[in-house]
């Protein structure tokens, strides 16, 4: 299991350094990675179609999508999509936030 340095599960790791191994990400920047976004949206006709269109126009590919109704007016869309890097992901999120139907956009970090 890989944890971020800020993860609460690895607090005090200095006390037991033999249980941990330092890792670093590859310098191979041509790879894409999958990010998970959660988008709260107003339940309007065509909103989901517009969301997928916005994502497609950014050059990202959707690997998975699910919706969960929160009430009759709002629902949450969970999207798994490809992204080149954090800058690309931030651009995707900005485009989604600009949609009138999107009320909240956030990345789920593992």
PDB file of N, CA and C in Angstrom:
ATOM      1  N   UNK A   1       0.851  -1.170   0.000  1.00  0.00           N
ATOM      2  CA  UNK A   1       0.000   0.000   0.000  1.00  0.00           C
ATOM      3  C   UNK A   1       0.894   1.228   0.000  1.00  0.00           C
ATOM      4  N   UNK A   2       0.560   2.203  -0.846  1.00  0.00           N
ATOM      5  CA  UNK A   2       1.296   3.461  -0.898  1.00  0.00           C
ATOM      6  C   UNK A   2       0.455   4.530  -0.219  1.00  0.00           C
ATOM      7  N   UNK A   3       1.063   5.253   0.712  1.00  0.00           N
ATOM      8  CA  UNK A   3       0.387   6.336   1.428  1.00  0.00           C
ATOM      9  C   UNK A   3       1.089   7.652   1.125  1.00  0.00           C
ATOM     10  N   UNK A   4       0.341   8.725   1.137  1.00  0.00           N
ATOM     11  CA  UNK A   4       0.941  10.057   1.074  1.00  0.00           C
ATOM     12  C   UNK A   4       1.611  10.332   2.415  1.00  0.00           C
ATOM     13  N   UNK A   5       2.608  11.221   2.401  1.00  0.00           N
ATOM     14  CA  UNK A   5       3.276  11.570   3.659  1.00  0.00           C
ATOM     15  C   UNK A   5       2.309  12.190   4.656  1.00  0.00           C
ATOM     16  N   UNK A   6       1.245  12.811   4.156  1.00  0.00           N
ATOM     17  CA  UNK A   6       0.277  13.475   5.027  1.00  0.00           C
ATOM     18  C   UNK A   6      -0.836  12.548   5.509  1.00  0.00           C
ATOM     19  N   UNK A   7      -0.809  11.295   5.086  1.00  0.00           N
ATOM     20  CA  UNK A   7      -1.854  10.344   5.470  1.00  0.00           C
ATOM     21  C   UNK A   7      -1.783  10.059   6.972  1.00  0.00           C
ATOM     22  N   UNK A   8      -2.928  10.107   7.667  1.00  0.00           N
ATOM     23  CA  UNK A   8      -2.913   9.833   9.113  1.00  0.00           C
ATOM     24  C   UNK A   8      -2.476   8.410   9.453  1.00  0.00           C
ATOM     25  N   UNK A   9      -2.555   7.487   8.499  1.00  0.00           N
ATOM     26  CA  UNK A   9      -2.164   6.101   8.767  1.00  0.00           C
ATOM     27  C   UNK A   9      -0.660   5.923   8.937  1.00  0.00           C
ATOM     28  N   UNK A  10       0.130   6.913   8.531  1.00  0.00           N
ATOM     29  CA  UNK A  10       1.582   6.765   8.635  1.00  0.00           C
ATOM     30  C   UNK A  10       2.201   7.736   9.638  1.00  0.00           C
ATOM     31  N   UNK A  11       1.380   8.300  10.508  1.00  0.00           N
ATOM     32  CA  UNK A  11       1.929   9.153  11.569  1.00  0.00           C
ATOM     33  C   UNK A  11       2.877   8.337  12.437  1.00  0.00           C
ATOM     34  N   UNK A  12       3.970   8.928  12.782  1.00  0.00           N
ATOM     35  CA  UNK A  12       4.930   8.248  13.641  1.00  0.00           C
ATOM     36  C   UNK A  12       5.761   7.201  12.925  1.00  0.00           C
ATOM     37  N   UNK A  13       5.798   7.245  11.607  1.00  0.00           N
ATOM     38  CA  UNK A  13       6.556   6.233  10.866  1.00  0.00           C
ATOM     39  C   UNK A  13       8.052   6.299  11.183  1.00  0.00           C
ATOM     40  N   UNK A  14       8.528   7.459  11.664  1.00  0.00           N
ATOM     41  CA  UNK A  14       9.945   7.591  11.998  1.00  0.00           C
ATOM     42  C   UNK A  14      10.342   6.644  13.133  1.00  0.00           C
ATOM     43  N   UNK A  15       9.379   6.264  13.954  1.00  0.00           N
ATOM     44  CA  UNK A  15       9.666   5.375  15.084  1.00  0.00           C
ATOM     45  C   UNK A  15       9.932   3.944  14.626  1.00  0.00           C
ATOM     46  N   UNK A  16       9.419   3.587  13.448  1.00  0.00           N
ATOM     47  CA  UNK A  16       9.601   2.232  12.920  1.00  0.00           C
ATOM     48  C   UNK A  16      10.016   2.306  11.450  1.00  0.00           C
ATOM     49  N   UNK A  17      11.187   2.853  11.158  1.00  0.00           N
ATOM     50  CA  UNK A  17      11.578   3.068   9.758  1.00  0.00           C
ATOM     51  C   UNK A  17      11.729   1.779   8.952  1.00  0.00           C
ATOM     52  N   UNK A  18      11.976   0.651   9.620  1.00  0.00           N
ATOM     53  CA  UNK A  18      12.134  -0.607   8.896  1.00  0.00           C
ATOM     54  C   UNK A  18      10.820  -1.106   8.302  1.00  0.00           C
ATOM     55  N   UNK A  19       9.698  -0.560   8.732  1.00  0.00           N
ATOM     56  CA  UNK A  19       8.394  -0.967   8.205  1.00  0.00           C
ATOM     57  C   UNK A  19       7.986  -0.167   6.972  1.00  0.00           C
ATOM     58  N   UNK A  20       8.769   0.840   6.621  1.00  0.00           N
ATOM     59  CA  UNK A  20       8.387   1.734   5.526  1.00  0.00           C
ATOM     60  C   UNK A  20       9.494   1.819   4.488  1.00  0.00           C
ATOM     61  N   UNK A  21       9.080   2.064   3.268  1.00  0.00           N
ATOM     62  CA  UNK A  21      10.012   2.198   2.164  1.00  0.00           C
ATOM     63  C   UNK A  21       9.667   3.483   1.409  1.00  0.00           C
ATOM     64  N   UNK A  22      10.658   4.296   1.147  1.00  0.00           N
ATOM     65  CA  UNK A  22      10.425   5.518   0.375  1.00  0.00           C
ATOM     66  C   UNK A  22      10.196   5.148  -1.086  1.00  0.00           C
ATOM     67  N   UNK A  23       9.263   5.811  -1.715  1.00  0.00           N
ATOM     68  CA  UNK A  23       8.992   5.585  -3.135  1.00  0.00           C
ATOM     69  C   UNK A  23       8.915   6.936  -3.835  1.00  0.00           C
ATOM     70  N   UNK A  24       9.092   6.904  -5.136  1.00  0.00           N
ATOM     71  CA  UNK A  24       8.979   8.123  -5.949  1.00  0.00           C
ATOM     72  C   UNK A  24       8.269   7.756  -7.236  1.00  0.00           C
ATOM     73  N   UNK A  25       7.554   8.710  -7.795  1.00  0.00           N
ATOM     74  CA  UNK A  25       6.856   8.479  -9.047  1.00  0.00           C
ATOM     75  C   UNK A  25       7.854   8.473 -10.194  1.00  0.00           C
ATOM     76  N   UNK A  26       7.532   7.781 -11.236  1.00  0.00           N
ATOM     77  CA  UNK A  26       8.375   7.688 -12.420  1.00  0.00           C
ATOM     78  C   UNK A  26       8.482   9.038 -13.117  1.00  0.00           C
ATOM     79  N   UNK A  27       9.590   9.245 -13.797  1.00  0.00           N
ATOM     80  CA  UNK A  27       9.765  10.457 -14.597  1.00  0.00           C
ATOM     81  C   UNK A  27       9.144  10.314 -15.980  1.00  0.00           C
ATOM     82  N   UNK A  28       8.481   9.209 -16.253  1.00  0.00           N
ATOM     83  CA  UNK A  28       7.837   8.968 -17.547  1.00  0.00           C
ATOM     84  C   UNK A  28       6.536   9.754 -17.601  1.00  0.00           C
ATOM     85  N   UNK A  29       6.602  10.948 -18.202  1.00  0.00           N
ATOM     86  CA  UNK A  29       5.466  11.856 -18.185  1.00  0.00           C
ATOM     87  C   UNK A  29       4.468  11.617 -19.310  1.00  0.00           C
ATOM     88  N   UNK A  30       4.714  10.646 -20.153  1.00  0.00           N
ATOM     89  CA  UNK A  30       3.799  10.386 -21.259  1.00  0.00           C
ATOM     90  C   UNK A  30       2.612   9.535 -20.837  1.00  0.00           C
ATOM     91  N   UNK A  31       2.606   9.076 -19.625  1.00  0.00           N
ATOM     92  CA  UNK A  31       1.537   8.210 -19.145  1.00  0.00           C
ATOM     93  C   UNK A  31       0.365   9.034 -18.636  1.00  0.00           C
ATOM     94  N   UNK A  32      -0.827   8.512 -18.854  1.00  0.00           N
ATOM     95  CA  UNK A  32      -2.022   9.123 -18.282  1.00  0.00           C
ATOM     96  C   UNK A  32      -2.390   8.348 -17.024  1.00  0.00           C
ATOM     97  N   UNK A  33      -3.140   8.979 -16.159  1.00  0.00           N
ATOM     98  CA  UNK A  33      -3.615   8.276 -14.978  1.00  0.00           C
ATOM     99  C   UNK A  33      -5.115   8.503 -14.848  1.00  0.00           C
ATOM    100  N   UNK A  34      -5.739   7.685 -14.035  1.00  0.00           N
ATOM    101  CA  UNK A  34      -7.182   7.789 -13.849  1.00  0.00           C
ATOM    102  C   UNK A  34      -7.460   8.560 -12.566  1.00  0.00           C
ATOM    103  N   UNK A  35      -8.331   9.539 -12.684  1.00  0.00           N
ATOM    104  CA  UNK A  35      -8.756  10.342 -11.533  1.00  0.00           C
ATOM    105  C   UNK A  35     -10.251  10.133 -11.336  1.00  0.00           C
ATOM    106  N   UNK A  36     -10.685  10.278 -10.105  1.00  0.00           N
ATOM    107  CA  UNK A  36     -12.112  10.171  -9.791  1.00  0.00           C
ATOM    108  C   UNK A  36     -12.629  11.537  -9.364  1.00  0.00           C
ATOM    109  N   UNK A  37     -13.655  11.992 -10.062  1.00  0.00           N
ATOM    110  CA  UNK A  37     -14.306  13.252  -9.718  1.00  0.00           C
ATOM    111  C   UNK A  37     -15.710  12.977  -9.227  1.00  0.00           C
ATOM    112  N   UNK A  38     -16.155  13.798  -8.292  1.00  0.00           N
ATOM    113  CA  UNK A  38     -17.551  13.780  -7.849  1.00  0.00           C
ATOM    114  C   UNK A  38     -18.127  15.136  -8.210  1.00  0.00           C
ATOM    115  N   UNK A  39     -19.238  15.112  -8.930  1.00  0.00           N
ATOM    116  CA  UNK A  39     -19.872  16.337  -9.405  1.00  0.00           C
ATOM    117  C   UNK A  39     -21.313  16.355  -8.914  1.00  0.00           C
ATOM    118  N   UNK A  40     -21.653  17.350  -8.111  1.00  0.00           N
ATOM    119  CA  UNK A  40     -23.041  17.547  -7.702  1.00  0.00           C
ATOM    120  C   UNK A  40     -23.698  18.413  -8.765  1.00  0.00           C
ATOM    121  N   UNK A  41     -24.851  17.951  -9.258  1.00  0.00           N
ATOM    122  CA  UNK A  41     -25.509  18.630 -10.368  1.00  0.00           C
ATOM    123  C   UNK A  41     -26.996  18.801 -10.114  1.00  0.00           C
ATOM    124  N   UNK A  42     -27.529  19.862 -10.706  1.00  0.00           N
ATOM    125  CA  UNK A  42     -28.975  20.047 -10.722  1.00  0.00           C
ATOM    126  C   UNK A  42     -29.565  19.043 -11.697  1.00  0.00           C
ATOM    127  N   UNK A  43     -30.704  18.509 -11.363  1.00  0.00           N
ATOM    128  CA  UNK A  43     -31.346  17.486 -12.183  1.00  0.00           C
ATOM    129  C   UNK A  43     -32.149  18.146 -13.304  1.00  0.00           C
ATOM    130  N   UNK A  44     -31.433  18.582 -14.337  1.00  0.00           N
ATOM    131  CA  UNK A  44     -32.059  19.192 -15.509  1.00  0.00           C
ATOM    132  C   UNK A  44     -31.869  18.293 -16.718  1.00  0.00           C
ATOM    133  N   UNK A  45     -32.819  18.333 -17.625  1.00  0.00           N
ATOM    134  CA  UNK A  45     -32.726  17.536 -18.841  1.00  0.00           C
ATOM    135  C   UNK A  45     -31.461  17.909 -19.607  1.00  0.00           C
ATOM    136  N   UNK A  46     -30.685  16.917 -19.993  1.00  0.00           N
ATOM    137  CA  UNK A  46     -29.476  17.126 -20.780  1.00  0.00           C
ATOM    138  C   UNK A  46     -28.234  17.438 -19.971  1.00  0.00           C
ATOM    139  N   UNK A  47     -28.355  17.551 -18.649  1.00  0.00           N
ATOM    140  CA  UNK A  47     -27.197  17.912 -17.818  1.00  0.00           C
ATOM    141  C   UNK A  47     -26.099  16.857 -17.894  1.00  0.00           C
ATOM    142  N   UNK A  48     -26.463  15.586 -17.824  1.00  0.00           N
ATOM    143  CA  UNK A  48     -25.466  14.521 -17.881  1.00  0.00           C
ATOM    144  C   UNK A  48     -24.795  14.489 -19.251  1.00  0.00           C
ATOM    145  N   UNK A  49     -25.567  14.682 -20.301  1.00  0.00           N
ATOM    146  CA  UNK A  49     -25.000  14.722 -21.652  1.00  0.00           C
ATOM    147  C   UNK A  49     -24.016  15.879 -21.785  1.00  0.00           C
ATOM    148  N   UNK A  50     -24.360  17.023 -21.215  1.00  0.00           N
ATOM    149  CA  UNK A  50     -23.452  18.172 -21.279  1.00  0.00           C
ATOM    150  C   UNK A  50     -22.169  17.894 -20.502  1.00  0.00           C
ATOM    151  N   UNK A  51     -22.291  17.243 -19.348  1.00  0.00           N
ATOM    152  CA  UNK A  51     -21.111  16.903 -18.554  1.00  0.00           C
ATOM    153  C   UNK A  51     -20.157  16.017 -19.354  1.00  0.00           C
ATOM    154  N   UNK A  52     -20.677  14.965 -19.959  1.00  0.00           N
ATOM    155  CA  UNK A  52     -19.808  14.069 -20.720  1.00  0.00           C
ATOM    156  C   UNK A  52     -19.217  14.781 -21.934  1.00  0.00           C
ATOM    157  N   UNK A  53     -19.959  15.692 -22.533  1.00  0.00           N
ATOM    158  CA  UNK A  53     -19.449  16.460 -23.669  1.00  0.00           C
ATOM    159  C   UNK A  53     -18.307  17.381 -23.236  1.00  0.00           C
ATOM    160  N   UNK A  54     -18.467  18.051 -22.102  1.00  0.00           N
ATOM    161  CA  UNK A  54     -17.416  18.935 -21.580  1.00  0.00           C
ATOM    162  C   UNK A  54     -16.142  18.129 -21.324  1.00  0.00           C
ATOM    163  N   UNK A  55     -16.281  16.967 -20.706  1.00  0.00           N
ATOM    164  CA  UNK A  55     -15.113  16.123 -20.419  1.00  0.00           C
ATOM    165  C   UNK A  55     -14.449  15.679 -21.715  1.00  0.00           C
ATOM    166  N   UNK A  56     -15.237  15.260 -22.683  1.00  0.00           N
ATOM    167  CA  UNK A  56     -14.701  14.814 -23.964  1.00  0.00           C
ATOM    168  C   UNK A  56     -13.915  15.915 -24.668  1.00  0.00           C
ATOM    169  N   UNK A  57     -14.420  17.131 -24.611  1.00  0.00           N
ATOM    170  CA  UNK A  57     -13.753  18.255 -25.285  1.00  0.00           C
ATOM    171  C   UNK A  57     -12.403  18.606 -24.664  1.00  0.00           C
ATOM    172  N   UNK A  58     -12.144  18.154 -23.446  1.00  0.00           N
ATOM    173  CA  UNK A  58     -10.852  18.419 -22.806  1.00  0.00           C
ATOM    174  C   UNK A  58      -9.788  17.405 -23.218  1.00  0.00           C
ATOM    175  N   UNK A  59     -10.183  16.401 -24.004  1.00  0.00           N
ATOM    176  CA  UNK A  59      -9.242  15.376 -24.418  1.00  0.00           C
ATOM    177  C   UNK A  59      -9.137  14.232 -23.427  1.00  0.00           C
ATOM    178  N   UNK A  60     -10.044  14.180 -22.492  1.00  0.00           N
ATOM    179  CA  UNK A  60     -10.058  13.118 -21.498  1.00  0.00           C
ATOM    180  C   UNK A  60     -11.032  12.031 -21.932  1.00  0.00           C
ATOM    181  N   UNK A  61     -10.784  10.809 -21.478  1.00  0.00           N
ATOM    182  CA  UNK A  61     -11.654   9.686 -21.777  1.00  0.00           C
ATOM    183  C   UNK A  61     -12.343   9.241 -20.488  1.00  0.00           C
ATOM    184  N   UNK A  62     -13.619   8.969 -20.565  1.00  0.00           N
ATOM    185  CA  UNK A  62     -14.378   8.512 -19.398  1.00  0.00           C
ATOM    186  C   UNK A  62     -14.268   6.995 -19.297  1.00  0.00           C
ATOM    187  N   UNK A  63     -13.790   6.515 -18.150  1.00  0.00           N
ATOM    188  CA  UNK A  63     -13.650   5.074 -17.915  1.00  0.00           C
ATOM    189  C   UNK A  63     -14.819   4.505 -17.142  1.00  0.00           C
ATOM    190  N   UNK A  64     -15.516   5.343 -16.416  1.00  0.00           N
ATOM    191  CA  UNK A  64     -16.660   4.886 -15.643  1.00  0.00           C
ATOM    192  C   UNK A  64     -17.476   6.074 -15.189  1.00  0.00           C
ATOM    193  N   UNK A  65     -18.772   5.844 -15.035  1.00  0.00           N
ATOM    194  CA  UNK A  65     -19.663   6.923 -14.622  1.00  0.00           C
ATOM    195  C   UNK A  65     -20.842   6.311 -13.886  1.00  0.00           C
ATOM    196  N   UNK A  66     -21.191   6.904 -12.757  1.00  0.00           N
ATOM    197  CA  UNK A  66     -22.388   6.469 -12.041  1.00  0.00           C
ATOM    198  C   UNK A  66     -23.068   7.696 -11.460  1.00  0.00           C
ATOM    199  N   UNK A  67     -24.373   7.568 -11.243  1.00  0.00           N
ATOM    200  CA  UNK A  67     -25.132   8.675 -10.667  1.00  0.00           C
ATOM    201  C   UNK A  67     -25.844   8.192  -9.412  1.00  0.00           C
ATOM    202  N   UNK A  68     -26.026   9.127  -8.495  1.00  0.00           N
ATOM    203  CA  UNK A  68     -26.762   8.834  -7.272  1.00  0.00           C
ATOM    204  C   UNK A  68     -27.665  10.029  -6.984  1.00  0.00           C
ATOM    205  N   UNK A  69     -28.960   9.779  -6.956  1.00  0.00           N
ATOM    206  CA  UNK A  69     -29.901  10.857  -6.675  1.00  0.00           C
ATOM    207  C   UNK A  69     -29.829  11.220  -5.199  1.00  0.00           C
ATOM    208  N   UNK A  70     -29.720  12.514  -4.924  1.00  0.00           N
ATOM    209  CA  UNK A  70     -29.651  12.982  -3.540  1.00  0.00           C
ATOM    210  C   UNK A  70     -31.010  13.448  -3.061  1.00  0.00           C
ATOM    211  N   UNK A  71     -31.735  14.099  -3.909  1.00  0.00           N
ATOM    212  CA  UNK A  71     -33.130  14.462  -3.671  1.00  0.00           C
ATOM    213  C   UNK A  71     -33.728  14.659  -5.064  1.00  0.00           C
ATOM    214  N   UNK A  72     -34.929  15.088  -5.176  1.00  0.00           N
ATOM    215  CA  UNK A  72     -35.530  15.230  -6.498  1.00  0.00           C
ATOM    216  C   UNK A  72     -34.892  16.304  -7.353  1.00  0.00           C
ATOM    217  N   UNK A  73     -34.083  17.144  -6.744  1.00  0.00           N
ATOM    218  CA  UNK A  73     -33.519  18.292  -7.433  1.00  0.00           C
ATOM    219  C   UNK A  73     -32.033  18.137  -7.752  1.00  0.00           C
ATOM    220  N   UNK A  74     -31.301  17.394  -6.934  1.00  0.00           N
ATOM    221  CA  UNK A  74     -29.855  17.236  -7.078  1.00  0.00           C
ATOM    222  C   UNK A  74     -29.464  15.774  -7.199  1.00  0.00           C
ATOM    223  N   UNK A  75     -28.356  15.537  -7.895  1.00  0.00           N
ATOM    224  CA  UNK A  75     -27.756  14.213  -7.900  1.00  0.00           C
ATOM    225  C   UNK A  75     -26.246  14.361  -7.969  1.00  0.00           C
ATOM    226  N   UNK A  76     -25.544  13.310  -7.567  1.00  0.00           N
ATOM    227  CA  UNK A  76     -24.087  13.289  -7.596  1.00  0.00           C
ATOM    228  C   UNK A  76     -23.640  12.334  -8.684  1.00  0.00           C
ATOM    229  N   UNK A  77     -22.742  12.817  -9.529  1.00  0.00           N
ATOM    230  CA  UNK A  77     -22.165  11.999 -10.593  1.00  0.00           C
ATOM    231  C   UNK A  77     -20.734  11.670 -10.187  1.00  0.00           C
ATOM    232  N   UNK A  78     -20.399  10.390 -10.203  1.00  0.00           N
ATOM    233  CA  UNK A  78     -19.025   9.955  -9.970  1.00  0.00           C
ATOM    234  C   UNK A  78     -18.450   9.578 -11.324  1.00  0.00           C
ATOM    235  N   UNK A  79     -17.329  10.206 -11.680  1.00  0.00           N
ATOM    236  CA  UNK A  79     -16.720   9.994 -12.997  1.00  0.00           C
ATOM    237  C   UNK A  79     -15.281   9.540 -12.817  1.00  0.00           C
ATOM    238  N   UNK A  80     -14.925   8.435 -13.457  1.00  0.00           N
ATOM    239  CA  UNK A  80     -13.532   8.006 -13.562  1.00  0.00           C
ATOM    240  C   UNK A  80     -13.061   8.420 -14.946  1.00  0.00           C
ATOM    241  N   UNK A  81     -11.996   9.219 -15.004  1.00  0.00           N
ATOM    242  CA  UNK A  81     -11.540   9.720 -16.297  1.00  0.00           C
ATOM    243  C   UNK A  81     -10.024   9.740 -16.373  1.00  0.00           C
ATOM    244  N   UNK A  82      -9.507   9.751 -17.606  1.00  0.00           N
ATOM    245  CA  UNK A  82      -8.067   9.835 -17.802  1.00  0.00           C
ATOM    246  C   UNK A  82      -7.636  11.289 -17.779  1.00  0.00           C
ATOM    247  N   UNK A  83      -6.445  11.505 -17.270  1.00  0.00           N
ATOM    248  CA  UNK A  83      -5.866  12.839 -17.266  1.00  0.00           C
ATOM    249  C   UNK A  83      -4.354  12.717 -17.416  1.00  0.00           C
ATOM    250  N   UNK A  84      -3.753  13.723 -18.009  1.00  0.00           N
ATOM    251  CA  UNK A  84      -2.307  13.695 -18.262  1.00  0.00           C
ATOM    252  C   UNK A  84      -1.508  14.063 -17.021  1.00  0.00           C
ATOM    253  N   UNK A  85      -2.034  15.026 -16.256  1.00  0.00           N
ATOM    254  CA  UNK A  85      -1.337  15.505 -15.068  1.00  0.00           C
ATOM    255  C   UNK A  85      -2.293  16.373 -14.258  1.00  0.00           C
ATOM    256  N   UNK A  86      -1.783  16.955 -13.175  1.00  0.00           N
ATOM    257  CA  UNK A  86      -2.638  17.768 -12.310  1.00  0.00           C
ATOM    258  C   UNK A  86      -3.137  19.029 -13.009  1.00  0.00           C
ATOM    259  N   UNK A  87      -2.324  19.591 -13.893  1.00  0.00           N
ATOM    260  CA  UNK A  87      -2.740  20.795 -14.622  1.00  0.00           C
ATOM    261  C   UNK A  87      -3.911  20.467 -15.545  1.00  0.00           C
ATOM    262  N   UNK A  88      -3.814  19.345 -16.246  1.00  0.00           N
ATOM    263  CA  UNK A  88      -4.902  18.900 -17.122  1.00  0.00           C
ATOM    264  C   UNK A  88      -6.164  18.657 -16.297  1.00  0.00           C
ATOM    265  N   UNK A  89      -6.013  17.988 -15.155  1.00  0.00           N
ATOM    266  CA  UNK A  89      -7.160  17.708 -14.293  1.00  0.00           C
ATOM    267  C   UNK A  89      -7.794  18.998 -13.780  1.00  0.00           C
ATOM    268  N   UNK A  90      -6.969  19.957 -13.390  1.00  0.00           N
ATOM    269  CA  UNK A  90      -7.500  21.246 -12.914  1.00  0.00           C
ATOM    270  C   UNK A  90      -8.294  21.943 -14.015  1.00  0.00           C
ATOM    271  N   UNK A  91      -7.826  21.834 -15.259  1.00  0.00           N
ATOM    272  CA  UNK A  91      -8.554  22.418 -16.385  1.00  0.00           C
ATOM    273  C   UNK A  91      -9.900  21.748 -16.601  1.00  0.00           C
ATOM    274  N   UNK A  92      -9.925  20.431 -16.476  1.00  0.00           N
ATOM    275  CA  UNK A  92     -11.181  19.687 -16.605  1.00  0.00           C
ATOM    276  C   UNK A  92     -12.158  20.141 -15.526  1.00  0.00           C
ATOM    277  N   UNK A  93     -11.670  20.245 -14.308  1.00  0.00           N
ATOM    278  CA  UNK A  93     -12.534  20.647 -13.195  1.00  0.00           C
ATOM    279  C   UNK A  93     -13.054  22.077 -13.381  1.00  0.00           C
ATOM    280  N   UNK A  94     -12.219  22.974 -13.897  1.00  0.00           N
ATOM    281  CA  UNK A  94     -12.673  24.351 -14.160  1.00  0.00           C
ATOM    282  C   UNK A  94     -13.792  24.376 -15.193  1.00  0.00           C
ATOM    283  N   UNK A  95     -13.643  23.575 -16.246  1.00  0.00           N
ATOM    284  CA  UNK A  95     -14.680  23.520 -17.290  1.00  0.00           C
ATOM    285  C   UNK A  95     -15.992  22.987 -16.718  1.00  0.00           C
ATOM    286  N   UNK A  96     -15.909  21.984 -15.869  1.00  0.00           N
ATOM    287  CA  UNK A  96     -17.120  21.429 -15.263  1.00  0.00           C
ATOM    288  C   UNK A  96     -17.757  22.456 -14.325  1.00  0.00           C
ATOM    289  N   UNK A  97     -16.934  23.134 -13.525  1.00  0.00           N
ATOM    290  CA  UNK A  97     -17.461  24.148 -12.600  1.00  0.00           C
ATOM    291  C   UNK A  97     -18.163  25.279 -13.335  1.00  0.00           C
ATOM    292  N   UNK A  98     -17.767  25.524 -14.580  1.00  0.00           N
ATOM    293  CA  UNK A  98     -18.382  26.597 -15.370  1.00  0.00           C
ATOM    294  C   UNK A  98     -19.772  26.217 -15.875  1.00  0.00           C
ATOM    295  N   UNK A  99     -20.131  24.941 -15.790  1.00  0.00           N
ATOM    296  CA  UNK A  99     -21.457  24.508 -16.220  1.00  0.00           C
ATOM    297  C   UNK A  99     -22.512  25.050 -15.258  1.00  0.00           C
ATOM    298  N   UNK A 100     -23.607  25.614 -15.769  1.00  0.00           N
ATOM    299  CA  UNK A 100     -24.639  26.140 -14.873  1.00  0.00           C
ATOM    300  C   UNK A 100     -25.293  25.065 -13.999  1.00  0.00           C
ATOM    301  N   UNK A 101     -25.308  23.810 -14.459  1.00  0.00           N
ATOM    302  CA  UNK A 101     -25.943  22.737 -13.692  1.00  0.00           C
ATOM    303  C   UNK A 101     -25.047  22.193 -12.583  1.00  0.00           C
ATOM    304  N   UNK A 102     -23.734  22.446 -12.656  1.00  0.00           N
ATOM    305  CA  UNK A 102     -22.796  21.908 -11.662  1.00  0.00           C
ATOM    306  C   UNK A 102     -22.785  22.811 -10.435  1.00  0.00           C
ATOM    307  N   UNK A 103     -23.078  22.223  -9.274  1.00  0.00           N
ATOM    308  CA  UNK A 103     -23.082  23.003  -8.036  1.00  0.00           C
ATOM    309  C   UNK A 103     -21.821  22.777  -7.207  1.00  0.00           C
ATOM    310  N   UNK A 104     -21.141  21.647  -7.440  1.00  0.00           N
ATOM    311  CA  UNK A 104     -19.916  21.343  -6.694  1.00  0.00           C
ATOM    312  C   UNK A 104     -19.111  20.311  -7.472  1.00  0.00           C
ATOM    313  N   UNK A 105     -17.793  20.512  -7.532  1.00  0.00           N
ATOM    314  CA  UNK A 105     -16.894  19.573  -8.207  1.00  0.00           C
ATOM    315  C   UNK A 105     -15.718  19.316  -7.272  1.00  0.00           C
ATOM    316  N   UNK A 106     -15.392  18.045  -7.073  1.00  0.00           N
ATOM    317  CA  UNK A 106     -14.262  17.715  -6.214  1.00  0.00           C
ATOM    318  C   UNK A 106     -13.591  16.435  -6.699  1.00  0.00           C
ATOM    319  N   UNK A 107     -12.314  16.343  -6.404  1.00  0.00           N
ATOM    320  CA  UNK A 107     -11.557  15.143  -6.739  1.00  0.00           C
ATOM    321  C   UNK A 107     -11.519  14.242  -5.521  1.00  0.00           C
ATOM    322  N   UNK A 108     -11.747  12.991  -5.748  1.00  0.00           N
ATOM    323  CA  UNK A 108     -11.619  12.022  -4.654  1.00  0.00           C
ATOM    324  C   UNK A 108     -10.190  11.514  -4.673  1.00  0.00           C
ATOM    325  N   UNK A 109      -9.484  11.748  -3.585  1.00  0.00           N
ATOM    326  CA  UNK A 109      -8.101  11.288  -3.479  1.00  0.00           C
ATOM    327  C   UNK A 109      -8.072   9.996  -2.691  1.00  0.00           C
ATOM    328  N   UNK A 110      -7.291   9.053  -3.179  1.00  0.00           N
ATOM    329  CA  UNK A 110      -7.168   7.760  -2.486  1.00  0.00           C
ATOM    330  C   UNK A 110      -6.126   7.842  -1.413  1.00  0.00           C
TER     331      UNK A 110
END
